[in-house]
C-alpha atoms as a PDB file:
ATOM      1  CA  MET A   1      78.235  67.704  44.642  1.00  0.00           C
ATOM      2  CA  SER A   2      74.797  66.577  43.673  1.00  0.00           C
ATOM      3  CA  ILE A   3      72.502  65.690  40.823  1.00  0.00           C
ATOM      4  CA  GLN A   4      70.734  68.816  39.581  1.00  0.00           C
ATOM      5  CA  GLU A   5      67.416  69.341  37.804  1.00  0.00           C
ATOM      6  CA  ILE A   6      67.857  69.631  34.036  1.00  0.00           C
ATOM      7  CA  ARG A   7      66.136  72.702  32.572  1.00  0.00           C
ATOM      8  CA  LEU A   8      63.747  71.953  29.723  1.00  0.00           C
ATOM      9  CA  PHE A   9      63.077  73.800  26.475  1.00  0.00           C
ATOM     10  CA  GLY A  10      61.220  76.968  27.221  1.00  0.00           C
ATOM     11  CA  ASP A  11      63.409  77.983  30.173  1.00  0.00           C
ATOM     12  CA  PRO A  12      64.928  81.370  29.314  1.00  0.00           C
ATOM     13  CA  VAL A  13      68.372  80.351  30.652  1.00  0.00           C
ATOM     14  CA  LEU A  14      68.676  77.956  27.682  1.00  0.00           C
ATOM     15  CA  VAL A  15      68.509  80.752  25.095  1.00  0.00           C
ATOM     16  CA  THR A  16      70.648  83.269  26.988  1.00  0.00           C
ATOM     17  CA  PRO A  17      74.378  83.432  26.219  1.00  0.00           C
ATOM     18  CA  ALA A  18      76.446  82.325  29.217  1.00  0.00           C
ATOM     19  CA  ALA A  19      79.092  84.470  30.902  1.00  0.00           C
ATOM     20  CA  LEU A  20      82.815  83.754  30.772  1.00  0.00           C
ATOM     21  CA  VAL A  21      84.238  81.999  33.810  1.00  0.00           C
ATOM     22  CA  VAL A  22      86.725  84.302  35.551  1.00  0.00           C
ATOM     23  CA  ASP A  23      87.264  82.451  38.857  1.00  0.00           C
ATOM     24  CA  PHE A  24      88.810  78.988  38.708  1.00  0.00           C
ATOM     25  CA  ASP A  25      87.954  78.120  42.297  1.00  0.00           C
ATOM     26  CA  LYS A  26      86.251  75.492  44.438  1.00  0.00           C
ATOM     27  CA  GLU A  27      82.826  76.713  43.263  1.00  0.00           C
ATOM     28  CA  LEU A  28      83.796  75.972  39.646  1.00  0.00           C
ATOM     29  CA  ARG A  29      85.124  72.534  40.599  1.00  0.00           C
ATOM     30  CA  ASN A  30      81.822  71.814  42.372  1.00  0.00           C
ATOM     31  CA  LEU A  31      79.916  72.944  39.266  1.00  0.00           C
ATOM     32  CA  VAL A  32      81.961  70.573  37.078  1.00  0.00           C
ATOM     33  CA  ALA A  33      81.259  67.746  39.554  1.00  0.00           C
ATOM     34  CA  ASP A  34      77.498  68.529  39.558  1.00  0.00           C
ATOM     35  CA  LEU A  35      77.426  68.649  35.760  1.00  0.00           C
ATOM     36  CA  THR A  36      79.283  65.336  35.506  1.00  0.00           C
ATOM     37  CA  GLN A  37      77.065  63.580  38.030  1.00  0.00           C
ATOM     38  CA  THR A  38      73.872  64.940  36.506  1.00  0.00           C
ATOM     39  CA  MET A  39      74.999  64.015  32.950  1.00  0.00           C
ATOM     40  CA  LEU A  40      75.893  60.445  33.982  1.00  0.00           C
ATOM     41  CA  GLU A  41      72.645  59.990  35.895  1.00  0.00           C
ATOM     42  CA  ALA A  42      70.462  61.292  33.013  1.00  0.00           C
ATOM     43  CA  PRO A  43      72.297  59.604  31.065  1.00  0.00           C
ATOM     44  CA  GLY A  44      73.636  61.923  28.395  1.00  0.00           C
ATOM     45  CA  ALA A  45      76.634  62.479  26.132  1.00  0.00           C
ATOM     46  CA  GLY A  46      77.085  66.040  27.364  1.00  0.00           C
ATOM     47  CA  LEU A  47      75.674  68.692  29.638  1.00  0.00           C
ATOM     48  CA  ALA A  48      76.207  72.457  29.690  1.00  0.00           C
ATOM     49  CA  ALA A  49      75.949  74.637  32.785  1.00  0.00           C
ATOM     50  CA  PRO A  50      72.902  76.567  31.487  1.00  0.00           C
ATOM     51  CA  GLN A  51      71.034  73.258  31.374  1.00  0.00           C
ATOM     52  CA  ILE A  52      71.169  73.171  35.171  1.00  0.00           C
ATOM     53  CA  GLY A  53      70.417  76.876  35.477  1.00  0.00           C
ATOM     54  CA  VAL A  54      73.967  78.192  35.772  1.00  0.00           C
ATOM     55  CA  ALA A  55      74.757  80.794  33.127  1.00  0.00           C
ATOM     56  CA  LEU A  56      78.515  80.126  32.896  1.00  0.00           C
ATOM     57  CA  ARG A  57      80.589  78.847  29.943  1.00  0.00           C
ATOM     58  CA  VAL A  58      81.218  75.335  31.213  1.00  0.00           C
ATOM     59  CA  PHE A  59      80.237  71.925  29.875  1.00  0.00           C
ATOM     60  CA  THR A  60      80.987  68.228  30.397  1.00  0.00           C
ATOM     61  CA  TRP A  61      80.928  65.321  27.979  1.00  0.00           C
ATOM     62  CA  ASN A  62      80.903  61.534  28.092  1.00  0.00           C
ATOM     63  CA  VAL A  63      81.731  60.112  24.679  1.00  0.00           C
ATOM     64  CA  ASP A  64      83.178  56.643  24.035  1.00  0.00           C
ATOM     65  CA  ASP A  65      83.665  56.157  27.796  1.00  0.00           C
ATOM     66  CA  GLU A  66      85.797  59.314  27.986  1.00  0.00           C
ATOM     67  CA  LEU A  67      84.686  61.913  30.514  1.00  0.00           C
ATOM     68  CA  GLY A  68      85.776  65.482  30.050  1.00  0.00           C
ATOM     69  CA  HIS A  69      84.950  69.080  30.752  1.00  0.00           C
ATOM     70  CA  LEU A  70      85.755  72.412  29.172  1.00  0.00           C
ATOM     71  CA  VAL A  71      85.618  75.976  30.461  1.00  0.00           C
ATOM     72  CA  ASN A  72      85.305  79.011  28.175  1.00  0.00           C
ATOM     73  CA  PRO A  73      85.502  76.974  24.951  1.00  0.00           C
ATOM     74  CA  VAL A  74      86.243  78.355  21.509  1.00  0.00           C
ATOM     75  CA  LEU A  75      85.573  76.108  18.509  1.00  0.00           C
ATOM     76  CA  VAL A  76      87.313  75.748  15.181  1.00  0.00           C
ATOM     77  CA  LEU A  77      85.217  73.653  12.805  1.00  0.00           C
ATOM     78  CA  GLY A  78      86.249  71.586   9.811  1.00  0.00           C
ATOM     79  CA  ASP A  79      84.521  72.019   6.443  1.00  0.00           C
ATOM     80  CA  GLU A  80      83.232  68.461   6.027  1.00  0.00           C
ATOM     81  CA  ILE A  81      79.630  67.942   7.153  1.00  0.00           C
ATOM     82  CA  GLN A  82      78.233  64.947   9.010  1.00  0.00           C
ATOM     83  CA  GLU A  83      74.601  63.966   8.976  1.00  0.00           C
ATOM     84  CA  GLY A  84      73.018  62.216  11.911  1.00  0.00           C
ATOM     85  CA  ASP A  85      70.407  62.258  14.569  1.00  0.00           C
ATOM     86  CA  GLU A  86      70.947  64.386  17.632  1.00  0.00           C
ATOM     87  CA  GLY A  87      69.121  64.648  20.899  1.00  0.00           C
ATOM     88  CA  CYS A  88      69.298  66.848  23.976  1.00  0.00           C
ATOM     89  CA  LEU A  89      68.580  66.352  27.670  1.00  0.00           C
ATOM     90  CA  SER A  90      66.576  69.596  27.596  1.00  0.00           C
ATOM     91  CA  PHE A  91      64.235  67.981  24.998  1.00  0.00           C
ATOM     92  CA  PRO A  92      63.307  64.647  26.593  1.00  0.00           C
ATOM     93  CA  ASP A  93      62.972  61.628  24.291  1.00  0.00           C
ATOM     94  CA  MET A  94      63.541  63.630  21.080  1.00  0.00           C
ATOM     95  CA  SER A  95      66.037  62.909  18.334  1.00  0.00           C
ATOM     96  CA  TYR A  96      66.217  64.586  14.921  1.00  0.00           C
ATOM     97  CA  PRO A  97      68.669  64.884  12.022  1.00  0.00           C
ATOM     98  CA  THR A  98      70.996  67.778  12.762  1.00  0.00           C
ATOM     99  CA  PRO A  99      73.869  68.728  10.439  1.00  0.00           C
ATOM    100  CA  ARG A 100      77.217  69.339  12.158  1.00  0.00           C
ATOM    101  CA  ALA A 101      80.866  69.673  11.195  1.00  0.00           C
ATOM    102  CA  MET A 102      82.613  66.302  11.047  1.00  0.00           C
ATOM    103  CA  ARG A 103      85.583  67.728  12.979  1.00  0.00           C
ATOM    104  CA  ALA A 104      85.739  70.254  15.801  1.00  0.00           C
ATOM    105  CA  VAL A 105      88.711  71.486  17.782  1.00  0.00           C
ATOM    106  CA  ALA A 106      87.674  73.022  21.104  1.00  0.00           C
ATOM    107  CA  GLN A 107      90.169  75.162  22.993  1.00  0.00           C
ATOM    108  CA  GLY A 108      89.620  76.399  26.507  1.00  0.00           C
ATOM    109  CA  PHE A 109      90.537  75.570  30.052  1.00  0.00           C
ATOM    110  CA  ASN A 110      90.079  72.818  32.585  1.00  0.00           C
ATOM    111  CA  MET A 111      88.576  73.534  36.014  1.00  0.00           C
ATOM    112  CA  PHE A 112      92.032  74.451  37.364  1.00  0.00           C
ATOM    113  CA  GLY A 113      92.593  77.171  34.731  1.00  0.00           C
ATOM    114  CA  GLU A 114      95.049  75.137  32.632  1.00  0.00           C
ATOM    115  CA  GLN A 115      94.738  75.542  28.866  1.00  0.00           C
ATOM    116  CA  ILE A 116      93.475  72.453  27.038  1.00  0.00           C
ATOM    117  CA  SER A 117      92.541  71.540  23.495  1.00  0.00           C
ATOM    118  CA  VAL A 118      90.153  68.763  22.464  1.00  0.00           C
ATOM    119  CA  ASP A 119      90.234  67.515  18.879  1.00  0.00           C
ATOM    120  CA  GLY A 120      87.064  65.584  18.062  1.00  0.00           C
ATOM    121  CA  THR A 121      85.613  63.884  15.044  1.00  0.00           C
ATOM    122  CA  GLU A 122      82.197  62.351  14.433  1.00  0.00           C
ATOM    123  CA  PHE A 123      80.292  61.909  17.719  1.00  0.00           C
ATOM    124  CA  LEU A 124      82.800  63.819  19.897  1.00  0.00           C
ATOM    125  CA  ALA A 125      82.781  66.687  17.355  1.00  0.00           C
ATOM    126  CA  ARG A 126      78.962  66.676  17.479  1.00  0.00           C
ATOM    127  CA  ALA A 127      78.992  66.767  21.302  1.00  0.00           C
ATOM    128  CA  LEU A 128      81.537  69.613  21.426  1.00  0.00           C
ATOM    129  CA  GLN A 129      79.458  71.668  18.972  1.00  0.00           C
ATOM    130  CA  HIS A 130      76.165  70.903  20.719  1.00  0.00           C
ATOM    131  CA  GLU A 131      77.435  71.860  24.186  1.00  0.00           C
ATOM    132  CA  THR A 132      79.227  74.987  22.968  1.00  0.00           C
ATOM    133  CA  ASP A 133      75.975  76.021  21.288  1.00  0.00           C
ATOM    134  CA  HIS A 134      74.245  75.759  24.671  1.00  0.00           C
ATOM    135  CA  LEU A 135      76.782  78.273  26.026  1.00  0.00           C
ATOM    136  CA  ASP A 136      75.837  80.660  23.210  1.00  0.00           C
ATOM    137  CA  GLY A 137      72.096  80.278  23.874  1.00  0.00           C
ATOM    138  CA  ILE A 138      71.640  78.159  20.730  1.00  0.00           C
ATOM    139  CA  LEU A 139      69.625  74.946  20.792  1.00  0.00           C
ATOM    140  CA  PHE A 140      69.912  71.960  18.512  1.00  0.00           C
ATOM    141  CA  ILE A 141      66.528  72.755  16.929  1.00  0.00           C
ATOM    142  CA  ASP A 142      68.124  75.996  15.672  1.00  0.00           C
ATOM    143  CA  ARG A 143      70.524  73.858  13.601  1.00  0.00           C
ATOM    144  CA  MET A 144      67.914  71.666  11.926  1.00  0.00           C
ATOM    145  CA  LEU A 145      66.773  71.890   8.366  1.00  0.00           C
ATOM    146  CA  PRO A 146      63.378  73.638   8.121  1.00  0.00           C
ATOM    147  CA  GLY A 147      61.311  70.477   7.615  1.00  0.00           C
ATOM    148  CA  ASP A 148      62.945  68.674  10.546  1.00  0.00           C
ATOM    149  CA  ARG A 149      62.582  71.760  12.723  1.00  0.00           C
ATOM    150  CA  LYS A 150      58.885  71.970  11.874  1.00  0.00           C
ATOM    151  CA  ALA A 151      58.401  68.279  12.840  1.00  0.00           C
ATOM    152  CA  ALA A 152      60.402  68.799  16.045  1.00  0.00           C
ATOM    153  CA  MET A 153      58.332  71.827  17.045  1.00  0.00           C
ATOM    154  CA  LYS A 154      55.132  69.845  16.463  1.00  0.00           C
ATOM    155  CA  GLU A 155      56.461  67.033  18.673  1.00  0.00           C
ATOM    156  CA  ILE A 156      57.450  69.564  21.346  1.00  0.00           C
ATOM    157  CA  ARG A 157      54.013  71.214  21.361  1.00  0.00           C
ATOM    158  CA  GLU A 158      52.373  67.812  21.762  1.00  0.00           C
ATOM    159  CA  SER A 159      54.696  66.626  24.550  1.00  0.00           C
ATOM    160  CA  ASP A 160      53.604  66.328  28.188  1.00  0.00           C
ATOM    161  CA  TRP A 161      56.723  68.084  29.507  1.00  0.00           C
ATOM    162  CA  PHE A 162      56.200  71.108  27.269  1.00  0.00           C
ATOM    163  CA  ASN A 163      52.507  71.441  28.087  1.00  0.00           C
ATOM    164  CA  GLU A 164      53.251  71.226  31.826  1.00  0.00           C
ATOM    165  CA  ALA A 165      55.721  74.115  31.475  1.00  0.00           C
ATOM    166  CA  ALA A 166      53.211  76.170  29.477  1.00  0.00           C
ATOM    167  CA  GLN A 167      50.531  75.571  32.135  1.00  0.00           C
ATOM    168  CA  ILE A 168      52.691  77.104  34.845  1.00  0.00           C
ATOM    169  CA  GLY A 169      53.166  80.191  32.670  1.00  0.00           C
ATOM    170  CA  GLN A 170      56.727  79.562  31.484  1.00  0.00           C
ATOM    171  CA  ASN A 171      57.558  82.011  28.683  1.00  0.00           C
ATOM    172  CA  ILE A 172      58.758  79.993  25.702  1.00  0.00           C
ATOM    173  CA  GLN A 173      61.501  81.644  23.651  1.00  0.00           C
ATOM    174  CA  ILE A 174      62.445  80.363  20.195  1.00  0.00           C
ATOM    175  CA  LYS A 175      65.088  81.963  18.028  1.00  0.00           C
ATOM    176  CA  GLU A 176      67.031  81.294  14.882  1.00  0.00           C
ATOM    177  CA  SER A 177      70.699  80.464  15.095  1.00  0.00           C
ATOM    178  CA  PRO A 178      73.050  83.365  14.317  1.00  0.00           C
ATOM    179  CA  HIS A 179      75.774  80.774  13.681  1.00  0.00           C
ATOM    180  CA  ASN A 180      76.805  79.123  10.463  1.00  0.00           C
ATOM    181  CA  ILE A 181      74.888  75.951   9.857  1.00  0.00           C
ATOM    182  CA  PHE A 182      76.576  75.448   6.534  1.00  0.00           C
ATOM    183  CA  GLY A 183      73.988  77.385   4.537  1.00  0.00           C
ATOM    184  CA  ARG A 184      71.301  74.855   5.369  1.00  0.00           C
ATOM    185  CA  ASN A 185      68.912  76.946   7.466  1.00  0.00           C
ATOM    186  CA  THR A 186      66.942  78.325   4.523  1.00  0.00           C
END
């Protein structure tokens, strides 16, 4: 178990849907440990496997001093919307208003293959949605209102970390979310 490098916006693994986990083995338990350690060191409220270059449907979270992880999550979202700023470890030092459902129920498995369900509201609901999006190849900028997204993209283009990636020839991929963002992406 070790702290891993966090992939930054522009890395193709971040916009590629992750594969279902089929083996609940020692390798998966090591991945969960690496995700947890890396998330805590960053520090962050969540971290998905694609953010460390592993294209599997696994994420961890640390919300209100509660650590958790979920494998192969499926979300059921409430209808009420919450407004609030959101950031991402793959977008260093950025935070923008991002609409999310106020409540999210995530169903999946723990690292041992046991079914679990996590019912979150407010910040936990935001984290569950954000990390599940990562597993679908969706980034939080895809969820922003057009004006906020435009401002975020300007900040990204002006950032040192983005320009360093562009200089080494990293192919930047940007796409629109295919998921419901409550009719607010137009």
